[in-house]
Amino acid sequence: MKTVSLRIDTDLLADVDRLVKPFRYSNRTELIRQAVREFVEKLENDRERKSSKKNILVNDEIIAELEKRFGELKQ
């Protein structure tokens, strides 16, 4: 594991410290590590969802184009 140094606003750090014991973390580092892990996972999931939506839109455009061309052939 690598060590990372960061600056955190005093109020945010107080919130972190307040949550350590109720959520049974050994220390603030464990809580922050878990929070970062969950945030990264959320970002990755959001990116995958956006990519899926984009693929659906592209597929809808392809279907619309095929329907347009097929409709032209029928006329």
Protein backbone atom coordinates (compact mmCIF):
# COMPACT_ATOMS: atom_id res chain seq x y z
CA MET A 1 0.00 0.00 0.00
CA LYS A 2 1.17 3.54 -0.77
CA THR A 3 0.93 6.51 1.56
CA VAL A 4 -0.97 9.56 0.36
CA SER A 5 -0.89 12.93 2.06
CA LEU A 6 -3.87 15.26 1.69
CA ARG A 7 -5.40 18.34 3.23
CA ILE A 8 -8.97 18.14 4.54
CA ASP A 9 -11.14 20.97 5.76
CA THR A 10 -11.38 21.07 9.56
CA ASP A 11 -15.16 20.58 9.57
CA LEU A 12 -14.97 17.60 7.21
CA LEU A 13 -12.25 16.00 9.33
CA ALA A 14 -14.43 16.50 12.42
CA ASP A 15 -17.25 14.67 10.58
CA VAL A 16 -14.86 11.83 9.73
CA ASP A 17 -13.66 11.59 13.32
CA ARG A 18 -17.25 11.60 14.58
CA LEU A 19 -18.12 8.63 12.33
CA VAL A 20 -15.14 6.39 13.10
CA LYS A 21 -16.47 4.72 16.25
CA PRO A 22 -20.19 4.37 15.35
CA PHE A 23 -19.26 2.62 12.11
CA ARG A 24 -16.62 0.51 13.86
CA TYR A 25 -13.57 1.68 11.95
CA SER A 26 -10.28 1.37 13.81
CA ASN A 27 -9.23 4.86 12.77
CA ARG A 28 -9.96 7.69 10.36
CA THR A 29 -7.60 6.23 7.75
CA GLU A 30 -9.76 3.12 7.40
CA LEU A 31 -12.91 5.21 7.05
CA ILE A 32 -11.34 7.50 4.44
CA ARG A 33 -9.92 4.50 2.53
CA GLN A 34 -13.37 2.88 2.41
CA ALA A 35 -15.02 6.13 1.37
CA VAL A 36 -12.55 6.57 -1.50
CA ARG A 37 -13.02 2.93 -2.54
CA GLU A 38 -16.82 3.35 -2.66
CA PHE A 39 -16.54 6.68 -4.51
CA VAL A 40 -14.27 5.18 -7.17
CA GLU A 41 -16.67 2.26 -7.60
CA LYS A 42 -19.59 4.69 -7.98
CA LEU A 43 -17.73 6.70 -10.62
CA GLU A 44 -16.92 3.53 -12.56
CA ASN A 45 -20.55 2.37 -12.39
CA ASP A 46 -21.79 5.80 -13.51
CA ARG A 47 -19.38 5.72 -16.46
CA GLU A 48 -20.58 2.24 -17.45
CA ARG A 49 -24.23 3.35 -17.23
CA LYS A 50 -23.54 6.40 -19.38
CA SER A 51 -21.74 4.22 -21.90
CA SER A 52 -24.68 1.82 -21.99
CA LYS A 53 -27.13 4.69 -22.49
CA LYS A 54 -24.95 6.03 -25.30
CA ASN A 55 -24.96 2.60 -26.97
CA ILE A 56 -28.75 2.44 -26.69
CA LEU A 57 -29.04 5.87 -28.33
CA VAL A 58 -26.72 4.80 -31.14
CA ASN A 59 -28.72 1.61 -31.63
CA ASP A 60 -31.96 3.62 -31.71
CA GLU A 61 -30.45 5.89 -34.37
CA ILE A 62 -29.38 2.88 -36.44
CA ILE A 63 -32.86 1.34 -36.16
CA ALA A 64 -34.47 4.65 -37.15
CA GLU A 65 -32.17 4.92 -40.18
CA LEU A 66 -32.94 1.33 -41.22
CA GLU A 67 -36.67 1.95 -40.83
CA LYS A 68 -36.34 5.12 -42.89
CA ARG A 69 -34.45 3.31 -45.66
CA PHE A 70 -36.74 0.29 -45.53
CA GLY A 71 -39.73 2.60 -45.71
CA GLU A 72 -38.23 4.29 -48.79
CA LEU A 73 -37.75 0.90 -50.45
CA LYS A 74 -41.41 0.00 -49.85
CA GLN A 75 -42.67 3.17 -51.59
